[in-house]
Structures are given as C-alpha cells and as structure tokens.
Amino acid sequence: MRLFIALDASPLKGELTRLQELLQNRYWELRPVTSYHLTLHFLGEVDEPIAAKLQNQLSAIKFPCFSLTLDHICFFPPTGAPKVVWVGVEPRANVEKLHREIGRSIQDIRLQPEKRFSPHLTLARVKQVTDKEGAIQELKGVKPRPVIWDINNFFLIRSTLTPQGPVYENMKEIPLKK
C-alpha cells in the first residue's frame, strides 16, 4: 500500500480555494488540488506488516500542539516551467521538529525518512504554461491571508492512484499533546 504521513489542512479549505480561484489566469492551465494536506513524510509502497508496526511507532510520538500561518505562494521547480503551485507556512521551527521526530521514529522500523523537507501545501498542478513570465508576475500579486492553522494531530494516510487522481484514506490519527 502507498503511504504518507501528513497534517490535515481541510480547516484551511476556504482560504486555499480562494487562492486557487485567484491563480486561474490566461497564462497557464491549472489542475486545482481538492484534498488539502501538508506532507511530513512520503513513504511510498509499504507492506501490511510494516504498516502495522508503523502505526504503533507513530502512536508513541509525544509532540506538543502548535500553530502555523499561511505565508507566501511559490512554485516548483524554482527554475524552468512551473509544475506545482504551493503556499508556504510560518513559523517553520515546530513543523520541522515534528518532521525530524517522525523521521527518527520510522527509521526504527527500517523505513527511509525524507531528508529534504520544505513545508508547503500544494494548491495546483500546472498542466500547461503559455506565458511563464506573465504567470510569475500574476503569482506575485496573489497573497494568502494570514490564517492561523492549529495543529492538534497528524495522520498516516493511504494513497490509491486512480485515473481521476489520487484517493486518500486516513489510516491512523495521531493526536499531539495538549
């Protein structure tokens, strides 16, 4: 099964949808994301017995609740034609610490944690760019509202790829300490 660990960003849906609407323009064709999350670790294909161990490992993590704020909009890759439009979060310190804590935990069961981590929420995938410079200029004018996002838990999520796009299923909710 294809798994990843993430924060559920559905409380931000209103603001993320507003940003997606502002990003639709004549310079590019976007495929907006409809399931919002901030990926902490992408694990890829994991066997059932390892997934069971993983749930136990994640449940043992004791990390305090924290808050994030939507901060800026950017795209990947930073050079060449944009492929993904995303919104960054601040302050990054706590989400980066949680990423490292989960990384240590999953190493204990021989899974490879992601080394590079750039906390972000994907807004859209770019299908086609007709004018890169125009798209970038338009992007600079779109700013997220400083919405506060309270982080009280994280999830182990199963991702099933379909022709219509990925389907996500929460396998395990891991609460943070109040």
N, C-alpha and C. Protein backbone atom coordinates (compact mmCIF):
# COMPACT_ATOMS: atom_id res chain seq x y z
N MET A 1 0.84 -1.18 0.00
CA MET A 1 0.00 0.00 0.00
C MET A 1 0.89 1.24 0.00
N ARG A 2 0.41 2.28 -0.65
CA ARG A 2 1.16 3.54 -0.80
C ARG A 2 0.78 4.46 0.36
N LEU A 3 1.79 4.85 1.17
CA LEU A 3 1.51 5.60 2.39
C LEU A 3 2.30 6.90 2.47
N PHE A 4 1.71 7.85 3.20
CA PHE A 4 2.44 9.05 3.58
C PHE A 4 1.90 9.55 4.92
N ILE A 5 2.67 10.41 5.56
CA ILE A 5 2.31 10.99 6.86
C ILE A 5 2.11 12.48 6.63
N ALA A 6 0.99 13.02 7.13
CA ALA A 6 0.67 14.41 6.80
C ALA A 6 -0.18 15.09 7.87
N LEU A 7 -0.21 16.41 7.77
CA LEU A 7 -1.14 17.24 8.53
C LEU A 7 -2.36 17.48 7.66
N ASP A 8 -3.54 17.36 8.25
CA ASP A 8 -4.79 17.60 7.51
C ASP A 8 -5.04 19.11 7.45
N ALA A 9 -5.09 19.65 6.25
CA ALA A 9 -5.29 21.10 6.08
C ALA A 9 -6.72 21.45 5.68
N SER A 10 -7.66 20.54 5.87
CA SER A 10 -9.04 20.85 5.49
C SER A 10 -9.62 22.07 6.22
N PRO A 11 -9.15 22.41 7.46
CA PRO A 11 -9.65 23.65 8.07
C PRO A 11 -9.31 24.91 7.28
N LEU A 12 -8.35 24.81 6.36
CA LEU A 12 -7.93 25.96 5.55
C LEU A 12 -8.61 25.99 4.19
N LYS A 13 -9.57 25.10 3.97
CA LYS A 13 -10.16 24.92 2.64
C LYS A 13 -10.68 26.23 2.04
N GLY A 14 -11.36 27.04 2.84
CA GLY A 14 -11.91 28.30 2.32
C GLY A 14 -10.83 29.20 1.75
N GLU A 15 -9.75 29.40 2.48
CA GLU A 15 -8.67 30.27 2.02
C GLU A 15 -7.92 29.64 0.85
N LEU A 16 -7.68 28.33 0.90
CA LEU A 16 -6.95 27.66 -0.18
C LEU A 16 -7.76 27.69 -1.49
N THR A 17 -9.07 27.53 -1.38
CA THR A 17 -9.94 27.61 -2.57
C THR A 17 -9.92 29.04 -3.13
N ARG A 18 -9.96 30.04 -2.25
CA ARG A 18 -9.89 31.44 -2.69
C ARG A 18 -8.60 31.69 -3.47
N LEU A 19 -7.49 31.18 -2.95
CA LEU A 19 -6.20 31.35 -3.63
C LEU A 19 -6.19 30.66 -4.99
N GLN A 20 -6.76 29.46 -5.06
CA GLN A 20 -6.83 28.75 -6.34
C GLN A 20 -7.59 29.57 -7.38
N GLU A 21 -8.70 30.16 -6.95
CA GLU A 21 -9.50 30.97 -7.88
C GLU A 21 -8.72 32.19 -8.36
N LEU A 22 -7.95 32.81 -7.47
CA LEU A 22 -7.15 33.97 -7.85
C LEU A 22 -6.01 33.59 -8.80
N LEU A 23 -5.55 32.35 -8.72
CA LEU A 23 -4.43 31.90 -9.56
C LEU A 23 -4.85 31.51 -10.97
N GLN A 24 -6.14 31.27 -11.18
CA GLN A 24 -6.60 30.92 -12.54
C GLN A 24 -6.45 32.15 -13.42
N ASN A 25 -5.64 32.05 -14.45
CA ASN A 25 -5.45 33.19 -15.35
C ASN A 25 -5.11 32.71 -16.75
N ARG A 26 -4.92 33.66 -17.63
CA ARG A 26 -4.70 33.34 -19.04
C ARG A 26 -3.30 32.81 -19.34
N TYR A 27 -2.41 32.82 -18.36
CA TYR A 27 -1.02 32.44 -18.60
C TYR A 27 -0.75 30.94 -18.44
N TRP A 28 -1.63 30.25 -17.75
CA TRP A 28 -1.40 28.83 -17.52
C TRP A 28 -2.70 28.11 -17.28
N GLU A 29 -2.65 26.80 -17.43
CA GLU A 29 -3.81 25.96 -17.14
C GLU A 29 -3.47 25.14 -15.90
N LEU A 30 -4.29 25.29 -14.87
CA LEU A 30 -4.04 24.62 -13.59
C LEU A 30 -5.05 23.52 -13.34
N ARG A 31 -4.60 22.49 -12.65
CA ARG A 31 -5.49 21.46 -12.14
C ARG A 31 -5.49 21.60 -10.61
N PRO A 32 -6.50 22.28 -10.05
CA PRO A 32 -6.50 22.52 -8.61
C PRO A 32 -6.57 21.22 -7.80
N VAL A 33 -5.94 21.26 -6.66
CA VAL A 33 -5.98 20.15 -5.71
C VAL A 33 -7.28 20.27 -4.92
N THR A 34 -7.91 19.16 -4.59
CA THR A 34 -9.16 19.20 -3.82
C THR A 34 -9.02 18.58 -2.43
N SER A 35 -7.92 17.90 -2.18
CA SER A 35 -7.66 17.32 -0.86
C SER A 35 -6.42 18.01 -0.31
N TYR A 36 -6.60 18.75 0.76
CA TYR A 36 -5.52 19.60 1.27
C TYR A 36 -4.80 18.94 2.44
N HIS A 37 -3.48 18.85 2.32
CA HIS A 37 -2.65 18.32 3.40
C HIS A 37 -1.23 18.84 3.25
N LEU A 38 -0.49 18.79 4.34
CA LEU A 38 0.93 19.13 4.32
C LEU A 38 1.68 17.83 4.60
N THR A 39 2.37 17.33 3.60
CA THR A 39 3.07 16.05 3.73
C THR A 39 4.31 16.22 4.60
N LEU A 40 4.39 15.38 5.64
CA LEU A 40 5.56 15.36 6.52
C LEU A 40 6.59 14.34 6.03
N HIS A 41 6.11 13.18 5.60
CA HIS A 41 6.98 12.13 5.03
C HIS A 41 6.19 11.34 4.01
N PHE A 42 6.73 11.20 2.80
CA PHE A 42 6.15 10.29 1.81
C PHE A 42 6.91 8.98 1.93
N LEU A 43 6.19 7.87 2.16
CA LEU A 43 6.82 6.58 2.39
C LEU A 43 6.80 5.67 1.17
N GLY A 44 5.87 5.91 0.25
CA GLY A 44 5.76 5.04 -0.92
C GLY A 44 5.10 3.72 -0.56
N GLU A 45 5.47 2.67 -1.29
CA GLU A 45 4.88 1.34 -1.08
C GLU A 45 5.39 0.72 0.22
N VAL A 46 4.46 0.30 1.08
CA VAL A 46 4.79 -0.30 2.37
C VAL A 46 3.97 -1.57 2.53
N ASP A 47 4.63 -2.67 2.93
CA ASP A 47 3.92 -3.94 3.17
C ASP A 47 3.03 -3.83 4.40
N GLU A 48 1.98 -4.65 4.42
CA GLU A 48 1.00 -4.65 5.52
C GLU A 48 1.64 -4.82 6.90
N PRO A 49 2.56 -5.79 7.11
CA PRO A 49 3.15 -5.94 8.45
C PRO A 49 3.95 -4.71 8.88
N ILE A 50 4.64 -4.08 7.95
CA ILE A 50 5.40 -2.87 8.27
C ILE A 50 4.44 -1.72 8.58
N ALA A 51 3.33 -1.64 7.85
CA ALA A 51 2.32 -0.60 8.10
C ALA A 51 1.77 -0.72 9.52
N ALA A 52 1.56 -1.94 9.99
CA ALA A 52 1.07 -2.15 11.36
C ALA A 52 2.10 -1.67 12.38
N LYS A 53 3.37 -2.00 12.15
CA LYS A 53 4.44 -1.52 13.04
C LYS A 53 4.53 0.00 13.01
N LEU A 54 4.37 0.55 11.82
CA LEU A 54 4.43 1.99 11.64
C LEU A 54 3.35 2.69 12.47
N GLN A 55 2.15 2.15 12.47
CA GLN A 55 1.07 2.75 13.26
C GLN A 55 1.44 2.78 14.74
N ASN A 56 2.04 1.69 15.23
CA ASN A 56 2.47 1.63 16.63
C ASN A 56 3.58 2.65 16.91
N GLN A 57 4.56 2.74 16.01
CA GLN A 57 5.66 3.70 16.18
C GLN A 57 5.13 5.13 16.24
N LEU A 58 4.24 5.46 15.31
CA LEU A 58 3.72 6.82 15.26
C LEU A 58 2.89 7.15 16.50
N SER A 59 2.16 6.16 17.01
CA SER A 59 1.33 6.38 18.20
C SER A 59 2.17 6.71 19.43
N ALA A 60 3.42 6.30 19.43
CA ALA A 60 4.31 6.54 20.57
C ALA A 60 4.90 7.95 20.57
N ILE A 61 4.73 8.68 19.49
CA ILE A 61 5.30 10.04 19.41
C ILE A 61 4.51 10.98 20.32
N LYS A 62 5.24 11.70 21.15
CA LYS A 62 4.64 12.69 22.06
C LYS A 62 5.19 14.06 21.67
N PHE A 63 4.40 14.81 20.94
CA PHE A 63 4.84 16.12 20.45
C PHE A 63 3.75 17.13 20.78
N PRO A 64 4.13 18.34 21.22
CA PRO A 64 3.11 19.32 21.60
C PRO A 64 2.37 19.92 20.40
N CYS A 65 1.13 20.33 20.65
CA CYS A 65 0.35 21.06 19.64
C CYS A 65 1.07 22.37 19.31
N PHE A 66 0.83 22.88 18.11
CA PHE A 66 1.43 24.14 17.69
C PHE A 66 0.55 24.78 16.63
N SER A 67 0.92 25.96 16.19
CA SER A 67 0.14 26.66 15.16
C SER A 67 1.05 27.07 14.01
N LEU A 68 0.45 27.14 12.83
CA LEU A 68 1.12 27.61 11.62
C LEU A 68 0.26 28.71 11.01
N THR A 69 0.87 29.53 10.17
CA THR A 69 0.16 30.58 9.44
C THR A 69 0.53 30.50 7.97
N LEU A 70 -0.47 30.63 7.09
CA LEU A 70 -0.18 30.70 5.66
C LEU A 70 0.67 31.93 5.41
N ASP A 71 1.71 31.79 4.58
CA ASP A 71 2.68 32.88 4.48
C ASP A 71 2.92 33.42 3.08
N HIS A 72 3.21 32.57 2.12
CA HIS A 72 3.60 33.04 0.79
C HIS A 72 3.25 31.99 -0.26
N ILE A 73 3.18 32.42 -1.52
CA ILE A 73 2.89 31.49 -2.62
C ILE A 73 4.12 31.41 -3.51
N CYS A 74 4.41 30.21 -3.95
CA CYS A 74 5.56 29.99 -4.82
C CYS A 74 5.28 28.80 -5.74
N PHE A 75 6.30 28.31 -6.44
CA PHE A 75 6.11 27.16 -7.32
C PHE A 75 7.37 26.31 -7.36
N PHE A 76 7.19 25.05 -7.74
CA PHE A 76 8.29 24.11 -8.01
C PHE A 76 8.31 23.84 -9.50
N PRO A 77 9.39 23.60 -10.14
CA PRO A 77 10.73 23.88 -9.66
C PRO A 77 11.00 25.38 -9.72
N PRO A 78 12.01 25.86 -8.97
CA PRO A 78 12.28 27.30 -8.95
C PRO A 78 12.82 27.84 -10.27
N THR A 79 13.37 26.96 -11.11
CA THR A 79 13.81 27.38 -12.44
C THR A 79 13.07 26.55 -13.48
N GLY A 80 12.95 27.08 -14.67
CA GLY A 80 12.20 26.37 -15.71
C GLY A 80 10.71 26.61 -15.57
N ALA A 81 9.95 25.82 -16.29
CA ALA A 81 8.49 25.98 -16.28
C ALA A 81 7.91 25.49 -14.95
N PRO A 82 7.01 26.26 -14.32
CA PRO A 82 6.38 25.82 -13.07
C PRO A 82 5.58 24.53 -13.28
N LYS A 83 5.68 23.61 -12.31
CA LYS A 83 4.93 22.35 -12.35
C LYS A 83 3.89 22.28 -11.23
N VAL A 84 4.23 22.87 -10.07
CA VAL A 84 3.36 22.83 -8.90
C VAL A 84 3.33 24.22 -8.26
N VAL A 85 2.13 24.71 -7.96
CA VAL A 85 1.96 25.97 -7.24
C VAL A 85 1.61 25.63 -5.80
N TRP A 86 2.29 26.27 -4.85
CA TRP A 86 2.10 25.91 -3.44
C TRP A 86 2.10 27.15 -2.55
N VAL A 87 1.62 26.96 -1.33
CA VAL A 87 1.64 28.03 -0.33
C VAL A 87 2.49 27.55 0.85
N GLY A 88 3.39 28.43 1.30
CA GLY A 88 4.27 28.11 2.42
C GLY A 88 3.64 28.49 3.74
N VAL A 89 4.23 27.97 4.82
CA VAL A 89 3.73 28.23 6.17
C VAL A 89 4.87 28.75 7.05
N GLU A 90 4.49 29.49 8.07
CA GLU A 90 5.42 30.00 9.08
C GLU A 90 4.74 29.92 10.43
N PRO A 91 5.42 29.91 11.53
CA PRO A 91 6.84 29.65 11.66
C PRO A 91 7.14 28.18 11.37
N ARG A 92 8.29 27.92 10.81
CA ARG A 92 8.62 26.58 10.36
C ARG A 92 9.23 25.69 11.45
N ALA A 93 9.73 26.27 12.52
CA ALA A 93 10.51 25.51 13.51
C ALA A 93 9.77 24.28 14.04
N ASN A 94 8.53 24.42 14.48
CA ASN A 94 7.82 23.28 15.08
C ASN A 94 7.48 22.20 14.06
N VAL A 95 7.06 22.59 12.86
CA VAL A 95 6.73 21.58 11.85
C VAL A 95 8.00 20.85 11.41
N GLU A 96 9.13 21.56 11.37
CA GLU A 96 10.40 20.91 11.04
C GLU A 96 10.82 19.94 12.15
N LYS A 97 10.60 20.32 13.42
CA LYS A 97 10.91 19.42 14.54
C LYS A 97 10.03 18.17 14.49
N LEU A 98 8.74 18.36 14.19
CA LEU A 98 7.84 17.20 14.08
C LEU A 98 8.29 16.29 12.94
N HIS A 99 8.69 16.87 11.82
CA HIS A 99 9.21 16.09 10.68
C HIS A 99 10.41 15.24 11.13
N ARG A 100 11.35 15.85 11.86
CA ARG A 100 12.53 15.10 12.32
C ARG A 100 12.15 14.01 13.32
N GLU A 101 11.23 14.33 14.23
CA GLU A 101 10.78 13.34 15.23
C GLU A 101 10.16 12.12 14.55
N ILE A 102 9.30 12.36 13.58
CA ILE A 102 8.69 11.26 12.83
C ILE A 102 9.77 10.50 12.06
N GLY A 103 10.73 11.22 11.49
CA GLY A 103 11.82 10.58 10.75
C GLY A 103 12.60 9.61 11.62
N ARG A 104 12.91 10.02 12.85
CA ARG A 104 13.62 9.12 13.78
C ARG A 104 12.77 7.89 14.08
N SER A 105 11.49 8.10 14.27
CA SER A 105 10.58 7.01 14.61
C SER A 105 10.47 5.99 13.48
N ILE A 106 10.37 6.45 12.24
CA ILE A 106 10.19 5.49 11.14
C ILE A 106 11.49 4.79 10.78
N GLN A 107 12.64 5.39 11.11
CA GLN A 107 13.91 4.71 10.90
C GLN A 107 14.00 3.46 11.76
N ASP A 108 13.37 3.50 12.93
CA ASP A 108 13.41 2.35 13.84
C ASP A 108 12.80 1.10 13.22
N ILE A 109 11.92 1.27 12.24
CA ILE A 109 11.33 0.09 11.58
C ILE A 109 11.83 -0.04 10.15
N ARG A 110 13.00 0.54 9.92
CA ARG A 110 13.73 0.36 8.66
C ARG A 110 13.07 1.04 7.45
N LEU A 111 12.28 2.07 7.70
CA LEU A 111 11.76 2.88 6.59
C LEU A 111 12.68 4.09 6.43
N GLN A 112 12.84 4.54 5.21
CA GLN A 112 13.71 5.67 4.92
C GLN A 112 12.94 6.99 5.05
N PRO A 113 13.32 7.83 6.02
CA PRO A 113 12.67 9.14 6.10
C PRO A 113 13.18 10.05 4.99
N GLU A 114 12.35 11.01 4.62
CA GLU A 114 12.78 12.01 3.64
C GLU A 114 13.75 12.96 4.32
N LYS A 115 14.86 13.21 3.67
CA LYS A 115 15.87 14.10 4.25
C LYS A 115 15.51 15.57 4.01
N ARG A 116 15.19 15.90 2.77
CA ARG A 116 14.84 17.29 2.44
C ARG A 116 13.37 17.52 2.78
N PHE A 117 13.10 18.66 3.42
CA PHE A 117 11.73 18.95 3.81
C PHE A 117 11.48 20.44 3.62
N SER A 118 10.48 20.75 2.86
CA SER A 118 10.05 22.13 2.64
C SER A 118 8.55 22.18 2.92
N PRO A 119 8.16 22.60 4.14
CA PRO A 119 6.74 22.55 4.50
C PRO A 119 5.89 23.45 3.60
N HIS A 120 4.93 22.83 2.93
CA HIS A 120 4.08 23.57 1.99
C HIS A 120 2.77 22.82 1.76
N LEU A 121 1.79 23.55 1.24
CA LEU A 121 0.50 22.99 0.84
C LEU A 121 0.37 23.17 -0.66
N THR A 122 0.20 22.08 -1.39
CA THR A 122 0.04 22.17 -2.84
C THR A 122 -1.34 22.75 -3.16
N LEU A 123 -1.35 23.80 -3.99
CA LEU A 123 -2.59 24.42 -4.43
C LEU A 123 -3.05 23.85 -5.77
N ALA A 124 -2.08 23.65 -6.68
CA ALA A 124 -2.46 23.20 -8.03
C ALA A 124 -1.24 22.61 -8.74
N ARG A 125 -1.53 21.75 -9.68
CA ARG A 125 -0.51 21.24 -10.60
C ARG A 125 -0.70 22.00 -11.91
N VAL A 126 0.41 22.37 -12.51
CA VAL A 126 0.38 23.15 -13.75
C VAL A 126 0.31 22.18 -14.93
N LYS A 127 -0.76 22.26 -15.70
CA LYS A 127 -0.91 21.40 -16.87
C LYS A 127 -0.19 21.98 -18.07
N GLN A 128 -0.27 23.30 -18.23
CA GLN A 128 0.33 23.93 -19.40
C GLN A 128 0.62 25.40 -19.08
N VAL A 129 1.78 25.90 -19.53
CA VAL A 129 2.14 27.30 -19.35
C VAL A 129 2.24 27.94 -20.73
N THR A 130 1.46 29.00 -20.95
CA THR A 130 1.53 29.70 -22.24
C THR A 130 2.46 30.90 -22.17
N ASP A 131 2.61 31.48 -20.98
CA ASP A 131 3.50 32.63 -20.79
C ASP A 131 4.06 32.56 -19.38
N LYS A 132 5.27 32.00 -19.25
CA LYS A 132 5.88 31.80 -17.93
C LYS A 132 6.04 33.12 -17.18
N GLU A 133 6.59 34.13 -17.84
CA GLU A 133 6.82 35.42 -17.17
C GLU A 133 5.51 36.06 -16.73
N GLY A 134 4.48 35.98 -17.57
CA GLY A 134 3.17 36.51 -17.20
C GLY A 134 2.60 35.78 -16.01
N ALA A 135 2.74 34.46 -15.99
CA ALA A 135 2.24 33.65 -14.87
C ALA A 135 2.96 34.01 -13.58
N ILE A 136 4.28 34.18 -13.66
CA ILE A 136 5.06 34.51 -12.46
C ILE A 136 4.68 35.90 -11.94
N GLN A 137 4.51 36.86 -12.84
CA GLN A 137 4.10 38.20 -12.42
C GLN A 137 2.73 38.18 -11.75
N GLU A 138 1.82 37.42 -12.33
CA GLU A 138 0.48 37.30 -11.75
C GLU A 138 0.56 36.63 -10.37
N LEU A 139 1.41 35.62 -10.25
CA LEU A 139 1.59 34.90 -9.00
C LEU A 139 2.07 35.82 -7.89
N LYS A 140 2.94 36.76 -8.22
CA LYS A 140 3.48 37.69 -7.22
C LYS A 140 2.39 38.57 -6.62
N GLY A 141 1.30 38.78 -7.34
CA GLY A 141 0.22 39.61 -6.84
C GLY A 141 -0.79 38.88 -5.96
N VAL A 142 -0.64 37.57 -5.83
CA VAL A 142 -1.59 36.78 -5.03
C VAL A 142 -0.96 36.50 -3.66
N LYS A 143 -1.61 36.96 -2.61
CA LYS A 143 -1.09 36.79 -1.25
C LYS A 143 -2.11 36.05 -0.39
N PRO A 144 -1.66 35.06 0.38
CA PRO A 144 -2.59 34.41 1.30
C PRO A 144 -2.92 35.32 2.48
N ARG A 145 -4.14 35.18 2.96
CA ARG A 145 -4.50 35.86 4.20
C ARG A 145 -3.76 35.14 5.33
N PRO A 146 -3.38 35.84 6.40
CA PRO A 146 -2.62 35.21 7.48
C PRO A 146 -3.52 34.34 8.38
N VAL A 147 -4.05 33.28 7.81
CA VAL A 147 -4.95 32.38 8.54
C VAL A 147 -4.13 31.53 9.51
N ILE A 148 -4.57 31.46 10.76
CA ILE A 148 -3.89 30.63 11.75
C ILE A 148 -4.44 29.21 11.67
N TRP A 149 -3.53 28.25 11.62
CA TRP A 149 -3.86 26.83 11.49
C TRP A 149 -3.35 26.12 12.74
N ASP A 150 -4.27 25.70 13.61
CA ASP A 150 -3.91 24.99 14.83
C ASP A 150 -3.65 23.52 14.51
N ILE A 151 -2.47 23.05 14.86
CA ILE A 151 -2.07 21.66 14.59
C ILE A 151 -2.22 20.86 15.88
N ASN A 152 -3.21 19.98 15.89
CA ASN A 152 -3.51 19.15 17.07
C ASN A 152 -3.27 17.67 16.82
N ASN A 153 -2.95 17.30 15.57
CA ASN A 153 -2.78 15.88 15.22
C ASN A 153 -2.07 15.77 13.88
N PHE A 154 -1.68 14.54 13.55
CA PHE A 154 -1.21 14.24 12.21
C PHE A 154 -1.75 12.86 11.84
N PHE A 155 -1.62 12.48 10.57
CA PHE A 155 -2.27 11.27 10.07
C PHE A 155 -1.32 10.41 9.26
N LEU A 156 -1.52 9.10 9.37
CA LEU A 156 -0.94 8.15 8.42
C LEU A 156 -2.02 7.95 7.37
N ILE A 157 -1.67 8.20 6.11
CA ILE A 157 -2.66 8.21 5.03
C ILE A 157 -2.29 7.23 3.94
N ARG A 158 -3.29 6.47 3.49
CA ARG A 158 -3.13 5.58 2.33
C ARG A 158 -3.54 6.35 1.09
N SER A 159 -2.72 6.26 0.05
CA SER A 159 -3.00 6.93 -1.22
C SER A 159 -3.19 5.87 -2.29
N THR A 160 -4.35 5.88 -2.93
CA THR A 160 -4.63 4.96 -4.03
C THR A 160 -4.72 5.78 -5.31
N LEU A 161 -3.88 5.45 -6.27
CA LEU A 161 -3.88 6.19 -7.54
C LEU A 161 -4.98 5.66 -8.45
N THR A 162 -5.77 6.59 -9.00
CA THR A 162 -6.85 6.24 -9.93
C THR A 162 -6.72 7.15 -11.16
N PRO A 163 -7.39 6.82 -12.26
CA PRO A 163 -7.34 7.70 -13.44
C PRO A 163 -7.88 9.11 -13.15
N GLN A 164 -8.75 9.23 -12.16
CA GLN A 164 -9.32 10.54 -11.80
C GLN A 164 -8.42 11.31 -10.83
N GLY A 165 -7.35 10.69 -10.38
CA GLY A 165 -6.46 11.31 -9.41
C GLY A 165 -6.37 10.46 -8.16
N PRO A 166 -5.50 10.84 -7.22
CA PRO A 166 -5.33 10.04 -6.01
C PRO A 166 -6.55 10.10 -5.10
N VAL A 167 -6.80 8.98 -4.42
CA VAL A 167 -7.85 8.89 -3.40
C VAL A 167 -7.14 8.65 -2.08
N TYR A 168 -7.45 9.49 -1.07
CA TYR A 168 -6.77 9.40 0.22
C TYR A 168 -7.70 8.82 1.28
N GLU A 169 -7.11 7.98 2.13
CA GLU A 169 -7.86 7.37 3.24
C GLU A 169 -7.01 7.49 4.50
N ASN A 170 -7.57 8.14 5.53
CA ASN A 170 -6.86 8.23 6.81
C ASN A 170 -6.84 6.85 7.46
N MET A 171 -5.64 6.31 7.68
CA MET A 171 -5.50 5.00 8.33
C MET A 171 -5.36 5.14 9.84
N LYS A 172 -4.69 6.21 10.28
CA LYS A 172 -4.43 6.38 11.71
C LYS A 172 -4.29 7.86 12.02
N GLU A 173 -5.01 8.31 13.03
CA GLU A 173 -4.85 9.68 13.53
C GLU A 173 -3.96 9.63 14.76
N ILE A 174 -2.95 10.48 14.81
CA ILE A 174 -2.04 10.54 15.95
C ILE A 174 -2.21 11.92 16.59
N PRO A 175 -2.80 11.97 17.79
CA PRO A 175 -3.00 13.26 18.44
C PRO A 175 -1.68 13.82 18.99
N LEU A 176 -1.58 15.14 19.00
CA LEU A 176 -0.45 15.80 19.63
C LEU A 176 -0.83 16.12 21.07
N LYS A 177 0.18 16.42 21.90
CA LYS A 177 -0.07 16.71 23.32
C LYS A 177 -0.67 18.10 23.47
N LYS A 178 -1.71 18.18 24.28
CA LYS A 178 -2.36 19.48 24.57
C LYS A 178 -1.54 20.25 25.58
